[in-house]
Amino acid sequence: MKRLLCSLAAFALCAGVLAAPKPATTPLPGESVYRLSVTLTDQHGKRFDWSKRRGKPQLVSMFYTSCQYICPLIVDSGKAVEKQLMPEERERLGILLISMDPARDTPAALMSVATKRKLDPARWTLASPAQADVRKIAGVLGIRYRALADGEFNHTSALVLLDGEGRILARTEQMGAKVDPEFMAQVRRAVE
């Protein structure tokens, strides 16, 4: 009898474990930029899959650290968006700047920009992809660029707003301290 009870208890335990629900992985929507499998390396030297940004809205742009002209304005634009948000809204928004010059944008170069520009690492991630992935990322974000002979780049300057699933909600090419009001309204809706 004791053996039968032990066997039943073991069976029930195993059945309970086997029947326990497994965490569901919801498939990404078809239009999610996170469907593009890309590994990035951030300013701390940490490698991560781009899709790990899933779950919270993101401001995303492409830049390069040696840029002296428009890329600092891209950073200013992200900071201007942050400034217009309440602290609790800021916490619900990530900002990801992806390099188009991974050969020179090492973690040290990325960290230098983050430090000089006083970018909060809790919200701001500066990252470089593999060289082979730069065009793919630019393509899904709608960013055009071309390398110039002097090592500089001509490129689209845009902030792209993604929802938590990686779908593009809005974009602006208005750079600087004055935020595009329509874009800002979209950001507010995304973080409410």
Protein backbone atom coordinates (compact mmCIF):
# COMPACT_ATOMS: atom_id res chain seq x y z
CA MET A 1 0.00 0.00 0.00
CA LYS A 2 2.82 2.33 0.93
CA ARG A 3 4.54 1.52 -2.37
CA LEU A 4 1.31 2.22 -4.28
CA LEU A 5 0.87 5.62 -2.57
CA CYS A 6 4.49 6.55 -3.34
CA SER A 7 4.01 5.51 -6.97
CA LEU A 8 0.80 7.54 -7.23
CA ALA A 9 2.47 10.56 -5.63
CA ALA A 10 5.40 10.30 -8.02
CA PHE A 11 3.01 9.95 -10.96
CA ALA A 12 0.99 12.97 -9.82
CA LEU A 13 4.16 15.02 -9.37
CA CYS A 14 5.44 14.07 -12.83
CA ALA A 15 2.04 14.66 -14.41
CA GLY A 16 1.84 18.06 -12.73
CA VAL A 17 5.28 19.01 -14.01
CA LEU A 18 4.54 17.74 -17.47
CA ALA A 19 1.19 19.51 -17.54
CA ALA A 20 2.60 22.77 -16.17
CA PRO A 21 2.25 25.54 -18.72
CA LYS A 22 5.46 26.51 -20.47
CA PRO A 23 6.17 30.19 -20.98
CA ALA A 24 4.63 31.18 -24.29
CA THR A 25 6.82 32.90 -26.82
CA THR A 26 4.64 35.14 -28.87
CA PRO A 27 5.79 35.30 -32.49
CA LEU A 28 6.93 38.69 -33.72
CA PRO A 29 4.52 40.57 -35.98
CA GLY A 30 5.37 40.33 -39.67
CA GLU A 31 6.33 44.00 -39.88
CA SER A 32 8.64 43.94 -36.82
CA VAL A 33 12.19 45.15 -37.44
CA TYR A 34 13.24 42.57 -34.84
CA ARG A 35 12.62 39.84 -37.40
CA LEU A 36 16.03 40.85 -38.72
CA SER A 37 18.44 38.72 -36.71
CA VAL A 38 21.31 41.02 -35.77
CA THR A 39 23.85 40.98 -32.96
CA LEU A 40 24.99 44.35 -31.63
CA THR A 41 27.86 45.27 -29.30
CA ASP A 42 27.13 48.15 -26.92
CA GLN A 43 29.30 50.81 -25.32
CA HIS A 44 30.11 48.41 -22.46
CA GLY A 45 31.36 45.72 -24.85
CA LYS A 46 28.29 43.58 -24.19
CA ARG A 47 26.94 41.64 -27.18
CA PHE A 48 23.17 41.27 -27.48
CA ASP A 49 20.57 40.27 -30.01
CA TRP A 50 18.69 43.29 -31.35
CA SER A 51 15.37 41.58 -30.62
CA LYS A 52 16.20 41.77 -26.88
CA ARG A 53 14.99 45.39 -27.15
CA ARG A 54 11.50 43.93 -27.59
CA GLY A 55 9.03 44.76 -24.87
CA LYS A 56 9.29 48.53 -24.63
CA PRO A 57 9.07 51.36 -27.15
CA GLN A 58 12.38 52.51 -28.61
CA LEU A 59 13.74 55.56 -30.36
CA VAL A 60 16.24 54.24 -32.89
CA SER A 61 18.64 56.01 -35.19
CA MET A 62 21.88 55.38 -37.04
CA PHE A 63 24.96 57.49 -36.52
CA TYR A 64 28.75 57.29 -36.34
CA THR A 65 30.94 58.57 -33.52
CA SER A 66 33.46 60.56 -35.60
CA CYS A 67 30.69 62.66 -37.18
CA GLN A 68 31.06 66.32 -36.28
CA TYR A 69 27.92 67.69 -37.88
CA ILE A 70 24.58 65.92 -38.04
CA CYS A 71 25.15 63.01 -35.63
CA PRO A 72 25.49 65.33 -32.62
CA LEU A 73 22.10 66.75 -33.69
CA ILE A 74 20.65 63.23 -33.69
CA VAL A 75 21.76 62.91 -30.05
CA ASP A 76 20.31 66.36 -29.31
CA SER A 77 17.01 65.24 -30.84
CA GLY A 78 16.86 62.17 -28.58
CA LYS A 79 17.66 64.32 -25.55
CA ALA A 80 14.97 66.83 -26.56
CA VAL A 81 12.38 64.04 -26.73
CA GLU A 82 13.47 62.82 -23.28
CA LYS A 83 13.23 66.34 -21.86
CA GLN A 84 9.56 66.61 -22.88
CA LEU A 85 8.63 63.37 -21.12
CA MET A 86 7.70 62.92 -17.49
CA PRO A 87 10.20 60.79 -15.50
CA GLU A 88 7.89 57.75 -15.49
CA GLU A 89 7.41 58.10 -19.28
CA ARG A 90 11.19 58.30 -19.79
CA GLU A 91 11.58 55.00 -17.96
CA ARG A 92 9.26 53.35 -20.47
CA LEU A 93 11.33 54.46 -23.50
CA GLY A 94 14.65 53.08 -24.69
CA ILE A 95 16.97 54.95 -27.03
CA LEU A 96 19.22 52.96 -29.35
CA LEU A 97 21.81 54.56 -31.63
CA ILE A 98 23.30 52.07 -34.09
CA SER A 99 26.61 52.76 -35.78
CA MET A 100 27.01 52.76 -39.55
CA ASP A 101 30.79 52.69 -39.02
CA PRO A 102 31.49 49.57 -36.93
CA ALA A 103 35.14 49.42 -38.01
CA ARG A 104 35.86 52.59 -36.00
CA ASP A 105 32.96 52.58 -33.54
CA THR A 106 34.44 50.27 -30.95
CA PRO A 107 32.91 50.02 -27.47
CA ALA A 108 35.51 52.59 -26.31
CA ALA A 109 34.48 55.06 -29.05
CA LEU A 110 30.80 54.52 -28.25
CA MET A 111 31.45 54.98 -24.51
CA SER A 112 33.37 58.18 -25.19
CA VAL A 113 30.31 59.70 -26.92
CA ALA A 114 27.95 58.42 -24.20
CA THR A 115 30.16 59.93 -21.49
CA LYS A 116 30.81 63.27 -23.23
CA ARG A 117 27.13 63.70 -24.04
CA LYS A 118 26.03 62.56 -20.52
CA LEU A 119 23.70 59.89 -21.90
CA ASP A 120 21.96 57.90 -19.17
CA PRO A 121 22.95 54.23 -19.67
CA ALA A 122 19.63 53.14 -18.16
CA ARG A 123 17.92 54.48 -21.31
CA TRP A 124 20.60 55.07 -23.94
CA THR A 125 22.41 52.29 -25.75
CA LEU A 126 25.03 53.04 -28.38
CA ALA A 127 25.91 49.93 -30.37
CA SER A 128 27.75 48.61 -33.39
CA PRO A 129 26.64 45.71 -35.60
CA ALA A 130 28.86 43.52 -37.75
CA GLN A 131 29.86 45.35 -40.92
CA ALA A 132 27.75 42.90 -42.98
CA ASP A 133 24.62 43.89 -41.02
CA VAL A 134 24.82 47.69 -41.39
CA ARG A 135 22.93 47.83 -44.72
CA LYS A 136 20.30 45.39 -43.47
CA ILE A 137 19.58 47.54 -40.41
CA ALA A 138 19.56 50.72 -42.48
CA GLY A 139 17.12 49.06 -44.88
CA VAL A 140 14.55 48.08 -42.24
CA LEU A 141 14.78 51.54 -40.64
CA GLY A 142 14.57 53.42 -43.95
CA ILE A 143 17.97 55.07 -43.45
CA ARG A 144 20.04 55.80 -46.54
CA TYR A 145 23.81 56.24 -46.30
CA ARG A 146 26.99 56.05 -48.30
CA ALA A 147 30.62 56.09 -47.26
CA LEU A 148 32.74 58.92 -48.63
CA ALA A 149 36.42 58.73 -49.60
CA ASP A 150 37.45 60.81 -46.56
CA GLY A 151 35.92 58.32 -44.10
CA GLU A 152 32.80 60.39 -43.49
CA PHE A 153 29.25 59.34 -44.43
CA ASN A 154 26.34 61.00 -46.17
CA HIS A 155 23.24 59.68 -44.43
CA THR A 156 19.62 60.19 -43.59
CA SER A 157 19.18 61.79 -40.20
CA ALA A 158 16.09 60.35 -38.63
CA LEU A 159 14.65 59.21 -35.33
CA VAL A 160 12.48 56.14 -35.75
CA LEU A 161 9.91 55.27 -33.08
CA LEU A 162 9.29 51.55 -32.59
CA ASP A 163 6.55 50.03 -30.48
CA GLY A 164 7.37 47.25 -28.02
CA GLU A 165 7.04 44.67 -30.79
CA GLY A 166 9.45 46.45 -33.13
CA ARG A 167 6.86 47.93 -35.50
CA ILE A 168 7.62 51.40 -36.84
CA LEU A 169 5.09 53.85 -35.43
CA ALA A 170 6.59 57.14 -36.58
CA ARG A 171 9.73 58.83 -37.81
CA THR A 172 11.04 62.34 -37.96
CA GLU A 173 13.88 63.95 -39.84
CA GLN A 174 13.58 67.16 -37.86
CA MET A 175 16.80 67.24 -35.87
CA GLY A 176 17.96 69.41 -33.00
CA ALA A 177 16.57 70.74 -29.74
CA LYS A 178 13.13 71.55 -31.19
CA VAL A 179 11.06 68.37 -31.40
CA ASP A 180 8.62 67.72 -34.23
CA PRO A 181 5.23 68.06 -32.42
CA GLU A 182 3.55 65.26 -34.40
CA PHE A 183 6.43 62.90 -33.66
CA MET A 184 6.35 63.88 -29.98
CA ALA A 185 2.63 63.10 -29.84
CA GLN A 186 3.36 59.61 -31.19
CA VAL A 187 6.11 59.10 -28.59
CA ARG A 188 3.72 60.10 -25.80
CA ARG A 189 1.09 57.64 -27.03
CA ALA A 190 3.69 54.88 -27.21
CA VAL A 191 4.82 55.34 -23.59
CA GLU A 192 1.43 55.92 -21.93
